[in-house]
Amino acid sequence: MCSLLLLTLHYFLLSTPKIYLVVKYQHLLLCMLLIGNSLAMEALPIFLNSLVHPAAAILILVILIFMFGEILPQAICTRYGLTVGATLAPLVCVLLIVFFLFSYPIRKVLDWMLGKGHAALLKTAELKTFVNFHGNEAGKGGDLTHEETTIITGALELTEKTAKDAMTPISKGDTEFNNDNWS
């Protein structure tokens, strides 16, 4: 079992990009995060109850958990999720090793029940909506300019277009390209 842990550590730390761990082993990461969160949430009241009055401990815990366990992580990770994930990847690797014995069996059950890969893939129409939502003309503070939005939307529509759609028709009255000039 120890060699498996060392091999896993070597694989995570040396062979893969920092964020690949999050994408590759979603169920293992989920189990590790939930087990760690549960342990922290159960240990905090025991620790804080010995320091202050129980009513004060409840109030302090609700504020701490709500602010630092819910609101701030959601706000930060929504905007800077990839950066936060890449920065905390070494810590996540350590926590995966610490909680591996508990997380791995649950991960296997989840993989068996739900399947291994369930990445969030979007359909073309959903991607177009997503791109339009991130356009700065939508008034929602997106970073994409009108030109970038147009290019990305055009690229997404390429499978629906034919060469005929991209061609400019030649009018019969145009003497420059009339068939009589070619004879």
N, C-alpha and C. Protein backbone atom coordinates (compact mmCIF):
# COMPACT_ATOMS: atom_id res chain seq x y z
N MET A 1 0.83 -1.19 0.00
CA MET A 1 0.00 0.00 0.00
C MET A 1 0.88 1.25 0.00
N CYS A 2 1.98 1.21 0.71
CA CYS A 2 2.89 2.35 0.78
C CYS A 2 3.49 2.64 -0.60
N SER A 3 3.83 1.59 -1.35
CA SER A 3 4.40 1.81 -2.67
C SER A 3 3.37 2.43 -3.61
N LEU A 4 2.10 2.06 -3.44
CA LEU A 4 1.03 2.66 -4.24
C LEU A 4 0.91 4.15 -3.93
N LEU A 5 1.02 4.50 -2.65
CA LEU A 5 0.97 5.91 -2.27
C LEU A 5 2.16 6.68 -2.84
N LEU A 6 3.34 6.10 -2.80
CA LEU A 6 4.52 6.77 -3.35
C LEU A 6 4.42 6.91 -4.86
N LEU A 7 3.94 5.87 -5.51
CA LEU A 7 3.74 5.94 -6.96
C LEU A 7 2.71 6.99 -7.32
N THR A 8 1.63 7.05 -6.55
CA THR A 8 0.60 8.07 -6.78
C THR A 8 1.17 9.46 -6.56
N LEU A 9 1.93 9.65 -5.51
CA LEU A 9 2.56 10.95 -5.25
C LEU A 9 3.50 11.33 -6.39
N HIS A 10 4.31 10.41 -6.83
CA HIS A 10 5.23 10.68 -7.94
C HIS A 10 4.45 11.05 -9.19
N TYR A 11 3.39 10.33 -9.46
CA TYR A 11 2.56 10.60 -10.63
C TYR A 11 1.93 11.99 -10.56
N PHE A 12 1.38 12.33 -9.39
CA PHE A 12 0.72 13.63 -9.24
C PHE A 12 1.71 14.78 -9.28
N LEU A 13 2.81 14.67 -8.58
CA LEU A 13 3.72 15.80 -8.43
C LEU A 13 4.66 15.99 -9.62
N LEU A 14 5.06 14.92 -10.27
CA LEU A 14 6.08 15.04 -11.30
C LEU A 14 5.57 14.86 -12.72
N SER A 15 4.55 14.07 -12.91
CA SER A 15 4.17 13.68 -14.27
C SER A 15 3.02 14.47 -14.87
N THR A 16 2.25 15.18 -14.07
CA THR A 16 1.06 15.83 -14.60
C THR A 16 1.09 17.32 -14.35
N PRO A 17 0.37 18.07 -15.15
CA PRO A 17 0.23 19.50 -14.86
C PRO A 17 -0.49 19.68 -13.54
N LYS A 18 -0.38 20.86 -12.98
CA LYS A 18 -0.93 21.09 -11.65
C LYS A 18 -2.44 20.86 -11.58
N ILE A 19 -3.17 21.31 -12.54
CA ILE A 19 -4.63 21.23 -12.49
C ILE A 19 -5.16 19.88 -12.98
N TYR A 20 -4.35 19.12 -13.68
CA TYR A 20 -4.79 17.85 -14.23
C TYR A 20 -5.33 16.92 -13.16
N LEU A 21 -4.79 17.02 -11.98
CA LEU A 21 -5.23 16.21 -10.84
C LEU A 21 -6.70 16.43 -10.56
N VAL A 22 -7.16 17.65 -10.65
CA VAL A 22 -8.55 17.97 -10.37
C VAL A 22 -9.46 17.34 -11.42
N VAL A 23 -9.04 17.37 -12.67
CA VAL A 23 -9.86 16.85 -13.75
C VAL A 23 -9.82 15.33 -13.81
N LYS A 24 -8.68 14.76 -13.56
CA LYS A 24 -8.49 13.32 -13.73
C LYS A 24 -9.21 12.48 -12.67
N TYR A 25 -9.08 12.87 -11.42
CA TYR A 25 -9.64 12.08 -10.32
C TYR A 25 -10.69 12.89 -9.56
N GLN A 26 -11.79 13.17 -10.23
CA GLN A 26 -12.82 14.03 -9.65
C GLN A 26 -13.44 13.43 -8.39
N HIS A 27 -13.74 12.14 -8.42
CA HIS A 27 -14.38 11.52 -7.26
C HIS A 27 -13.43 11.43 -6.07
N LEU A 28 -12.17 11.15 -6.33
CA LEU A 28 -11.19 11.10 -5.24
C LEU A 28 -11.03 12.47 -4.60
N LEU A 29 -10.96 13.49 -5.42
CA LEU A 29 -10.85 14.86 -4.91
C LEU A 29 -12.09 15.25 -4.13
N LEU A 30 -13.25 14.92 -4.66
CA LEU A 30 -14.50 15.23 -3.96
C LEU A 30 -14.55 14.57 -2.59
N CYS A 31 -14.20 13.29 -2.53
CA CYS A 31 -14.21 12.57 -1.25
C CYS A 31 -13.22 13.19 -0.26
N MET A 32 -12.02 13.51 -0.75
CA MET A 32 -11.02 14.11 0.12
C MET A 32 -11.49 15.44 0.67
N LEU A 33 -12.06 16.28 -0.18
CA LEU A 33 -12.53 17.58 0.27
C LEU A 33 -13.67 17.46 1.27
N LEU A 34 -14.60 16.56 1.02
CA LEU A 34 -15.73 16.41 1.93
C LEU A 34 -15.32 15.78 3.26
N ILE A 35 -14.40 14.83 3.23
CA ILE A 35 -13.92 14.24 4.49
C ILE A 35 -13.15 15.28 5.30
N GLY A 36 -12.27 16.03 4.63
CA GLY A 36 -11.53 17.08 5.32
C GLY A 36 -12.44 18.16 5.87
N ASN A 37 -13.45 18.54 5.09
CA ASN A 37 -14.41 19.55 5.54
C ASN A 37 -15.20 19.04 6.75
N SER A 38 -15.62 17.79 6.70
CA SER A 38 -16.38 17.22 7.82
C SER A 38 -15.53 17.16 9.08
N LEU A 39 -14.28 16.74 8.94
CA LEU A 39 -13.39 16.71 10.12
C LEU A 39 -13.19 18.10 10.71
N ALA A 40 -12.98 19.07 9.87
CA ALA A 40 -12.79 20.44 10.36
C ALA A 40 -14.04 20.97 11.04
N MET A 41 -15.19 20.71 10.44
CA MET A 41 -16.45 21.21 11.02
C MET A 41 -16.81 20.50 12.32
N GLU A 42 -16.36 19.27 12.49
CA GLU A 42 -16.61 18.56 13.74
C GLU A 42 -15.59 18.93 14.82
N ALA A 43 -14.38 19.23 14.42
CA ALA A 43 -13.34 19.55 15.39
C ALA A 43 -13.45 20.99 15.92
N LEU A 44 -13.93 21.89 15.09
CA LEU A 44 -14.04 23.29 15.52
C LEU A 44 -14.92 23.48 16.76
N PRO A 45 -16.13 22.91 16.82
CA PRO A 45 -16.93 23.11 18.04
C PRO A 45 -16.29 22.53 19.29
N ILE A 46 -15.65 21.39 19.16
CA ILE A 46 -14.99 20.78 20.32
C ILE A 46 -13.88 21.69 20.83
N PHE A 47 -13.08 22.21 19.92
CA PHE A 47 -11.98 23.09 20.30
C PHE A 47 -12.50 24.41 20.84
N LEU A 48 -13.44 25.03 20.16
CA LEU A 48 -13.92 26.35 20.55
C LEU A 48 -14.77 26.30 21.82
N ASN A 49 -15.45 25.20 22.04
CA ASN A 49 -16.29 25.05 23.23
C ASN A 49 -15.46 25.06 24.51
N SER A 50 -14.22 24.61 24.42
CA SER A 50 -13.35 24.62 25.60
C SER A 50 -12.76 26.00 25.88
N LEU A 51 -12.83 26.92 24.92
CA LEU A 51 -12.27 28.25 25.08
C LEU A 51 -13.29 29.29 25.51
N VAL A 52 -14.50 29.22 24.99
CA VAL A 52 -15.51 30.25 25.28
C VAL A 52 -16.82 29.59 25.68
N HIS A 53 -17.77 30.41 26.09
CA HIS A 53 -19.09 29.96 26.47
C HIS A 53 -19.76 29.29 25.26
N PRO A 54 -20.55 28.22 25.47
CA PRO A 54 -21.17 27.51 24.35
C PRO A 54 -22.00 28.40 23.40
N ALA A 55 -22.73 29.37 23.95
CA ALA A 55 -23.52 30.26 23.09
C ALA A 55 -22.59 31.11 22.21
N ALA A 56 -21.51 31.59 22.77
CA ALA A 56 -20.53 32.36 22.00
C ALA A 56 -19.84 31.48 20.97
N ALA A 57 -19.58 30.23 21.35
CA ALA A 57 -18.94 29.30 20.42
C ALA A 57 -19.82 29.07 19.20
N ILE A 58 -21.13 28.92 19.42
CA ILE A 58 -22.05 28.72 18.30
C ILE A 58 -22.05 29.94 17.38
N LEU A 59 -22.13 31.13 17.97
CA LEU A 59 -22.14 32.36 17.18
C LEU A 59 -20.84 32.53 16.39
N ILE A 60 -19.71 32.30 17.04
CA ILE A 60 -18.41 32.43 16.37
C ILE A 60 -18.29 31.40 15.24
N LEU A 61 -18.72 30.15 15.51
CA LEU A 61 -18.63 29.10 14.49
C LEU A 61 -19.49 29.41 13.27
N VAL A 62 -20.70 29.88 13.51
CA VAL A 62 -21.58 30.19 12.38
C VAL A 62 -20.96 31.29 11.52
N ILE A 63 -20.43 32.31 12.15
CA ILE A 63 -19.81 33.41 11.40
C ILE A 63 -18.56 32.92 10.67
N LEU A 64 -17.69 32.19 11.36
CA LEU A 64 -16.46 31.70 10.72
C LEU A 64 -16.75 30.75 9.56
N ILE A 65 -17.64 29.79 9.78
CA ILE A 65 -17.95 28.82 8.74
C ILE A 65 -18.63 29.51 7.56
N PHE A 66 -19.55 30.40 7.86
CA PHE A 66 -20.28 31.07 6.79
C PHE A 66 -19.36 31.96 5.96
N MET A 67 -18.50 32.73 6.62
CA MET A 67 -17.62 33.65 5.89
C MET A 67 -16.45 32.92 5.23
N PHE A 68 -15.71 32.14 6.01
CA PHE A 68 -14.47 31.55 5.51
C PHE A 68 -14.66 30.16 4.91
N GLY A 69 -15.80 29.55 5.12
CA GLY A 69 -16.04 28.23 4.56
C GLY A 69 -17.01 28.23 3.39
N GLU A 70 -17.78 29.32 3.26
CA GLU A 70 -18.78 29.36 2.19
C GLU A 70 -18.62 30.59 1.29
N ILE A 71 -18.79 31.77 1.83
CA ILE A 71 -18.86 32.97 1.01
C ILE A 71 -17.53 33.30 0.34
N LEU A 72 -16.47 33.47 1.11
CA LEU A 72 -15.18 33.84 0.52
C LEU A 72 -14.64 32.81 -0.47
N PRO A 73 -14.64 31.51 -0.14
CA PRO A 73 -14.16 30.55 -1.14
C PRO A 73 -14.98 30.56 -2.43
N GLN A 74 -16.29 30.69 -2.33
CA GLN A 74 -17.12 30.74 -3.53
C GLN A 74 -16.80 31.98 -4.36
N ALA A 75 -16.68 33.12 -3.70
CA ALA A 75 -16.40 34.37 -4.41
C ALA A 75 -15.03 34.34 -5.08
N ILE A 76 -14.04 33.86 -4.37
CA ILE A 76 -12.67 33.83 -4.92
C ILE A 76 -12.55 32.79 -6.02
N CYS A 77 -13.08 31.61 -5.79
CA CYS A 77 -12.93 30.52 -6.78
C CYS A 77 -13.79 30.74 -8.01
N THR A 78 -14.87 31.48 -7.89
CA THR A 78 -15.68 31.78 -9.06
C THR A 78 -14.89 32.66 -10.03
N ARG A 79 -14.15 33.60 -9.49
CA ARG A 79 -13.41 34.53 -10.35
C ARG A 79 -12.02 34.01 -10.71
N TYR A 80 -11.33 33.39 -9.76
CA TYR A 80 -9.94 32.97 -9.97
C TYR A 80 -9.77 31.47 -9.75
N GLY A 81 -10.71 30.66 -10.19
CA GLY A 81 -10.70 29.23 -9.91
C GLY A 81 -9.46 28.51 -10.39
N LEU A 82 -9.04 28.78 -11.62
CA LEU A 82 -7.87 28.09 -12.17
C LEU A 82 -6.60 28.48 -11.44
N THR A 83 -6.46 29.74 -11.13
CA THR A 83 -5.27 30.21 -10.40
C THR A 83 -5.22 29.62 -8.99
N VAL A 84 -6.36 29.63 -8.31
CA VAL A 84 -6.42 29.06 -6.96
C VAL A 84 -6.11 27.57 -7.01
N GLY A 85 -6.70 26.88 -8.00
CA GLY A 85 -6.45 25.44 -8.13
C GLY A 85 -4.99 25.12 -8.38
N ALA A 86 -4.35 25.89 -9.26
CA ALA A 86 -2.94 25.64 -9.56
C ALA A 86 -2.06 25.97 -8.36
N THR A 87 -2.41 27.02 -7.63
CA THR A 87 -1.61 27.41 -6.46
C THR A 87 -1.72 26.38 -5.34
N LEU A 88 -2.92 25.86 -5.13
CA LEU A 88 -3.14 24.92 -4.02
C LEU A 88 -2.94 23.46 -4.40
N ALA A 89 -2.53 23.19 -5.63
CA ALA A 89 -2.34 21.80 -6.07
C ALA A 89 -1.36 21.01 -5.20
N PRO A 90 -0.22 21.58 -4.78
CA PRO A 90 0.66 20.80 -3.90
C PRO A 90 0.00 20.45 -2.56
N LEU A 91 -0.74 21.38 -1.99
CA LEU A 91 -1.46 21.10 -0.74
C LEU A 91 -2.51 20.03 -0.97
N VAL A 92 -3.20 20.08 -2.09
CA VAL A 92 -4.20 19.08 -2.41
C VAL A 92 -3.56 17.70 -2.54
N CYS A 93 -2.37 17.63 -3.13
CA CYS A 93 -1.66 16.35 -3.24
C CYS A 93 -1.33 15.77 -1.87
N VAL A 94 -0.89 16.62 -0.96
CA VAL A 94 -0.59 16.17 0.40
C VAL A 94 -1.87 15.68 1.08
N LEU A 95 -2.95 16.44 0.94
CA LEU A 95 -4.21 16.03 1.55
C LEU A 95 -4.76 14.75 0.93
N LEU A 96 -4.54 14.57 -0.36
CA LEU A 96 -4.96 13.32 -0.99
C LEU A 96 -4.23 12.12 -0.39
N ILE A 97 -2.97 12.29 -0.09
CA ILE A 97 -2.20 11.20 0.52
C ILE A 97 -2.68 10.96 1.95
N VAL A 98 -2.94 12.04 2.69
CA VAL A 98 -3.39 11.90 4.08
C VAL A 98 -4.74 11.19 4.15
N PHE A 99 -5.66 11.55 3.28
CA PHE A 99 -7.01 10.99 3.32
C PHE A 99 -7.22 9.84 2.33
N PHE A 100 -6.14 9.34 1.74
CA PHE A 100 -6.25 8.34 0.69
C PHE A 100 -6.97 7.08 1.16
N LEU A 101 -6.65 6.58 2.34
CA LEU A 101 -7.25 5.34 2.82
C LEU A 101 -8.76 5.46 3.00
N PHE A 102 -9.24 6.65 3.29
CA PHE A 102 -10.68 6.85 3.46
C PHE A 102 -11.35 7.22 2.13
N SER A 103 -10.66 8.00 1.32
CA SER A 103 -11.25 8.51 0.08
C SER A 103 -11.29 7.47 -1.03
N TYR A 104 -10.26 6.63 -1.11
CA TYR A 104 -10.15 5.70 -2.24
C TYR A 104 -11.33 4.73 -2.33
N PRO A 105 -11.74 4.07 -1.23
CA PRO A 105 -12.88 3.15 -1.36
C PRO A 105 -14.17 3.87 -1.79
N ILE A 106 -14.38 5.07 -1.27
CA ILE A 106 -15.57 5.83 -1.65
C ILE A 106 -15.49 6.22 -3.11
N ARG A 107 -14.29 6.59 -3.55
CA ARG A 107 -14.08 6.94 -4.96
C ARG A 107 -14.43 5.76 -5.87
N LYS A 108 -13.98 4.56 -5.49
CA LYS A 108 -14.25 3.38 -6.31
C LYS A 108 -15.76 3.11 -6.40
N VAL A 109 -16.46 3.29 -5.29
CA VAL A 109 -17.91 3.09 -5.30
C VAL A 109 -18.57 4.13 -6.21
N LEU A 110 -18.13 5.39 -6.12
CA LEU A 110 -18.68 6.44 -6.97
C LEU A 110 -18.36 6.19 -8.45
N ASP A 111 -17.14 5.75 -8.72
CA ASP A 111 -16.77 5.41 -10.10
C ASP A 111 -17.64 4.28 -10.64
N TRP A 112 -17.93 3.30 -9.80
CA TRP A 112 -18.75 2.16 -10.21
C TRP A 112 -20.19 2.60 -10.43
N MET A 113 -20.71 3.46 -9.54
CA MET A 113 -22.11 3.88 -9.64
C MET A 113 -22.35 4.91 -10.73
N LEU A 114 -21.44 5.88 -10.84
CA LEU A 114 -21.67 7.02 -11.74
C LEU A 114 -20.82 7.00 -13.00
N GLY A 115 -19.81 6.16 -13.02
CA GLY A 115 -18.87 6.17 -14.14
C GLY A 115 -17.69 7.06 -13.82
N LYS A 116 -16.58 6.79 -14.51
CA LYS A 116 -15.35 7.52 -14.19
C LYS A 116 -15.36 8.94 -14.70
N GLY A 117 -15.70 9.14 -15.94
CA GLY A 117 -15.60 10.47 -16.51
C GLY A 117 -16.96 11.11 -16.70
N HIS A 118 -17.19 12.18 -16.01
CA HIS A 118 -18.40 12.94 -16.24
C HIS A 118 -18.06 14.43 -16.29
N ALA A 119 -17.18 14.75 -17.22
CA ALA A 119 -16.76 16.13 -17.38
C ALA A 119 -17.93 16.96 -17.89
N ALA A 120 -17.90 18.22 -17.53
CA ALA A 120 -18.97 19.13 -17.94
C ALA A 120 -18.72 19.58 -19.37
N LEU A 121 -19.38 18.92 -20.32
CA LEU A 121 -19.26 19.28 -21.72
C LEU A 121 -20.52 20.03 -22.14
N LEU A 122 -20.32 21.08 -22.93
CA LEU A 122 -21.44 21.89 -23.37
C LEU A 122 -21.75 21.62 -24.83
N LYS A 123 -23.01 21.74 -25.20
CA LYS A 123 -23.40 21.64 -26.59
C LYS A 123 -23.07 22.96 -27.28
N THR A 124 -23.11 22.97 -28.61
CA THR A 124 -22.73 24.16 -29.38
C THR A 124 -23.59 25.35 -29.01
N ALA A 125 -24.89 25.15 -28.89
CA ALA A 125 -25.79 26.26 -28.55
C ALA A 125 -25.46 26.80 -27.15
N GLU A 126 -25.13 25.90 -26.22
CA GLU A 126 -24.77 26.35 -24.88
C GLU A 126 -23.45 27.12 -24.89
N LEU A 127 -22.50 26.66 -25.71
CA LEU A 127 -21.23 27.38 -25.82
C LEU A 127 -21.43 28.77 -26.41
N LYS A 128 -22.30 28.89 -27.41
CA LYS A 128 -22.59 30.21 -27.98
C LYS A 128 -23.17 31.15 -26.94
N THR A 129 -24.10 30.64 -26.15
CA THR A 129 -24.69 31.45 -25.08
C THR A 129 -23.63 31.83 -24.06
N PHE A 130 -22.76 30.90 -23.73
CA PHE A 130 -21.67 31.14 -22.78
C PHE A 130 -20.73 32.23 -23.31
N VAL A 131 -20.39 32.18 -24.59
CA VAL A 131 -19.51 33.18 -25.21
C VAL A 131 -20.21 34.53 -25.22
N ASN A 132 -21.49 34.56 -25.59
CA ASN A 132 -22.23 35.82 -25.60
C ASN A 132 -22.34 36.41 -24.20
N PHE A 133 -22.48 35.56 -23.21
CA PHE A 133 -22.56 36.02 -21.83
C PHE A 133 -21.26 36.69 -21.40
N HIS A 134 -20.13 36.19 -21.90
CA HIS A 134 -18.83 36.75 -21.55
C HIS A 134 -18.41 37.92 -22.43
N GLY A 135 -19.23 38.27 -23.40
CA GLY A 135 -18.95 39.43 -24.22
C GLY A 135 -19.18 40.71 -23.42
N ASN A 136 -18.33 41.71 -23.63
CA ASN A 136 -18.48 42.93 -22.84
C ASN A 136 -19.68 43.76 -23.27
N GLU A 137 -20.29 43.45 -24.42
CA GLU A 137 -21.48 44.16 -24.85
C GLU A 137 -22.72 43.68 -24.12
N ALA A 138 -22.63 42.54 -23.48
CA ALA A 138 -23.78 42.01 -22.75
C ALA A 138 -24.06 42.82 -21.49
N GLY A 139 -23.13 43.69 -21.11
CA GLY A 139 -23.33 44.53 -19.94
C GLY A 139 -23.12 43.80 -18.63
N LYS A 140 -22.48 42.66 -18.68
CA LYS A 140 -22.25 41.88 -17.46
C LYS A 140 -20.78 41.87 -17.07
N GLY A 141 -19.98 42.75 -17.65
CA GLY A 141 -18.58 42.85 -17.27
C GLY A 141 -17.68 41.81 -17.90
N GLY A 142 -18.09 41.21 -19.03
CA GLY A 142 -17.27 40.21 -19.69
C GLY A 142 -16.03 40.82 -20.30
N ASP A 143 -15.04 39.99 -20.54
CA ASP A 143 -13.75 40.46 -21.07
C ASP A 143 -13.64 40.33 -22.58
N LEU A 144 -14.58 39.68 -23.23
CA LEU A 144 -14.48 39.47 -24.68
C LEU A 144 -15.02 40.67 -25.44
N THR A 145 -14.27 41.12 -26.42
CA THR A 145 -14.73 42.22 -27.26
C THR A 145 -15.75 41.71 -28.28
N HIS A 146 -16.37 42.63 -29.00
CA HIS A 146 -17.35 42.24 -30.02
C HIS A 146 -16.69 41.39 -31.10
N GLU A 147 -15.46 41.76 -31.50
CA GLU A 147 -14.76 41.01 -32.54
C GLU A 147 -14.45 39.59 -32.08
N GLU A 148 -13.97 39.45 -30.85
CA GLU A 148 -13.65 38.13 -30.31
C GLU A 148 -14.91 37.27 -30.21
N THR A 149 -16.00 37.88 -29.76
CA THR A 149 -17.27 37.16 -29.67
C THR A 149 -17.73 36.69 -31.04
N THR A 150 -17.59 37.57 -32.04
CA THR A 150 -17.99 37.22 -33.40
C THR A 150 -17.14 36.08 -33.96
N ILE A 151 -15.83 36.14 -33.73
CA ILE A 151 -14.92 35.10 -34.23
C ILE A 151 -15.23 33.75 -33.58
N ILE A 152 -15.40 33.74 -32.27
CA ILE A 152 -15.67 32.48 -31.57
C ILE A 152 -17.02 31.91 -32.00
N THR A 153 -18.03 32.76 -32.09
CA THR A 153 -19.35 32.30 -32.53
C THR A 153 -19.28 31.77 -33.96
N GLY A 154 -18.54 32.46 -34.83
CA GLY A 154 -18.37 31.98 -36.20
C GLY A 154 -17.67 30.63 -36.25
N ALA A 155 -16.66 30.45 -35.42
CA ALA A 155 -15.97 29.15 -35.38
C ALA A 155 -16.90 28.05 -34.90
N LEU A 156 -17.77 28.35 -33.95
CA LEU A 156 -18.71 27.35 -33.46
C LEU A 156 -19.76 26.99 -34.51
N GLU A 157 -20.04 27.92 -35.42
CA GLU A 157 -21.04 27.68 -36.45
C GLU A 157 -20.45 27.05 -37.72
N LEU A 158 -19.15 26.78 -37.76
CA LEU A 158 -18.52 26.25 -38.97
C LEU A 158 -19.10 24.91 -39.42
N THR A 159 -19.49 24.07 -38.50
CA THR A 159 -20.02 22.76 -38.88
C THR A 159 -21.39 22.88 -39.55
N GLU A 160 -22.07 23.98 -39.32
CA GLU A 160 -23.40 24.18 -39.90
C GLU A 160 -23.34 24.86 -41.26
N LYS A 161 -22.21 25.42 -41.63
CA LYS A 161 -22.09 26.20 -42.87
C LYS A 161 -21.48 25.36 -43.99
N THR A 162 -21.85 25.75 -45.21
CA THR A 162 -21.27 25.13 -46.39
C THR A 162 -20.48 26.19 -47.15
N ALA A 163 -19.75 25.79 -48.16
CA ALA A 163 -18.98 26.73 -48.97
C ALA A 163 -19.90 27.72 -49.66
N LYS A 164 -21.08 27.29 -50.02
CA LYS A 164 -22.07 28.16 -50.67
C LYS A 164 -22.44 29.33 -49.77
N ASP A 165 -22.50 29.09 -48.45
CA ASP A 165 -22.85 30.16 -47.51
C ASP A 165 -21.78 31.25 -47.47
N ALA A 166 -20.54 30.90 -47.74
CA ALA A 166 -19.44 31.85 -47.65
C ALA A 166 -19.17 32.56 -48.96
N MET A 167 -19.74 32.09 -50.06
CA MET A 167 -19.47 32.66 -51.37
C MET A 167 -20.37 33.86 -51.65
N THR A 168 -19.83 34.80 -52.42
CA THR A 168 -20.60 35.97 -52.84
C THR A 168 -21.15 35.69 -54.23
N PRO A 169 -22.46 35.82 -54.41
CA PRO A 169 -23.03 35.52 -55.73
C PRO A 169 -22.61 36.57 -56.77
N ILE A 170 -22.42 36.13 -58.00
CA ILE A 170 -22.07 37.01 -59.11
C ILE A 170 -23.37 37.40 -59.80
N SER A 171 -23.60 38.69 -59.89
CA SER A 171 -24.84 39.13 -60.54
C SER A 171 -24.70 39.04 -62.05
N LYS A 172 -25.81 38.82 -62.74
CA LYS A 172 -25.77 38.66 -64.21
C LYS A 172 -25.43 39.95 -64.91
N GLY A 173 -25.69 41.08 -64.27
CA GLY A 173 -25.42 42.36 -64.90
C GLY A 173 -23.97 42.81 -64.75
N ASP A 174 -23.16 42.08 -64.03
CA ASP A 174 -21.76 42.46 -63.81
C ASP A 174 -20.95 42.11 -65.05
N THR A 175 -20.49 43.11 -65.79
CA THR A 175 -19.80 42.86 -67.06
C THR A 175 -18.38 42.37 -66.86
N GLU A 176 -17.79 42.67 -65.72
CA GLU A 176 -16.41 42.26 -65.51
C GLU A 176 -16.27 40.74 -65.45
N PHE A 177 -17.26 40.07 -64.89
CA PHE A 177 -17.19 38.62 -64.75
C PHE A 177 -18.17 37.90 -65.66
N ASN A 178 -18.64 38.57 -66.69
CA ASN A 178 -19.57 37.96 -67.62
C ASN A 178 -18.88 36.88 -68.44
N ASN A 179 -19.58 35.83 -68.77
CA ASN A 179 -19.00 34.72 -69.54
C ASN A 179 -18.51 35.13 -70.92
N ASP A 180 -19.08 36.21 -71.48
CA ASP A 180 -18.67 36.65 -72.83
C ASP A 180 -17.23 37.13 -72.84
N ASN A 181 -16.73 37.62 -71.74
CA ASN A 181 -15.36 38.12 -71.69
C ASN A 181 -14.34 36.99 -71.69
N TRP A 182 -14.75 35.77 -71.40
CA TRP A 182 -13.82 34.65 -71.28
C TRP A 182 -13.64 33.90 -72.60
N SER A 183 -14.40 34.23 -73.59
CA SER A 183 -14.29 33.48 -74.85
C SER A 183 -13.29 34.06 -75.80
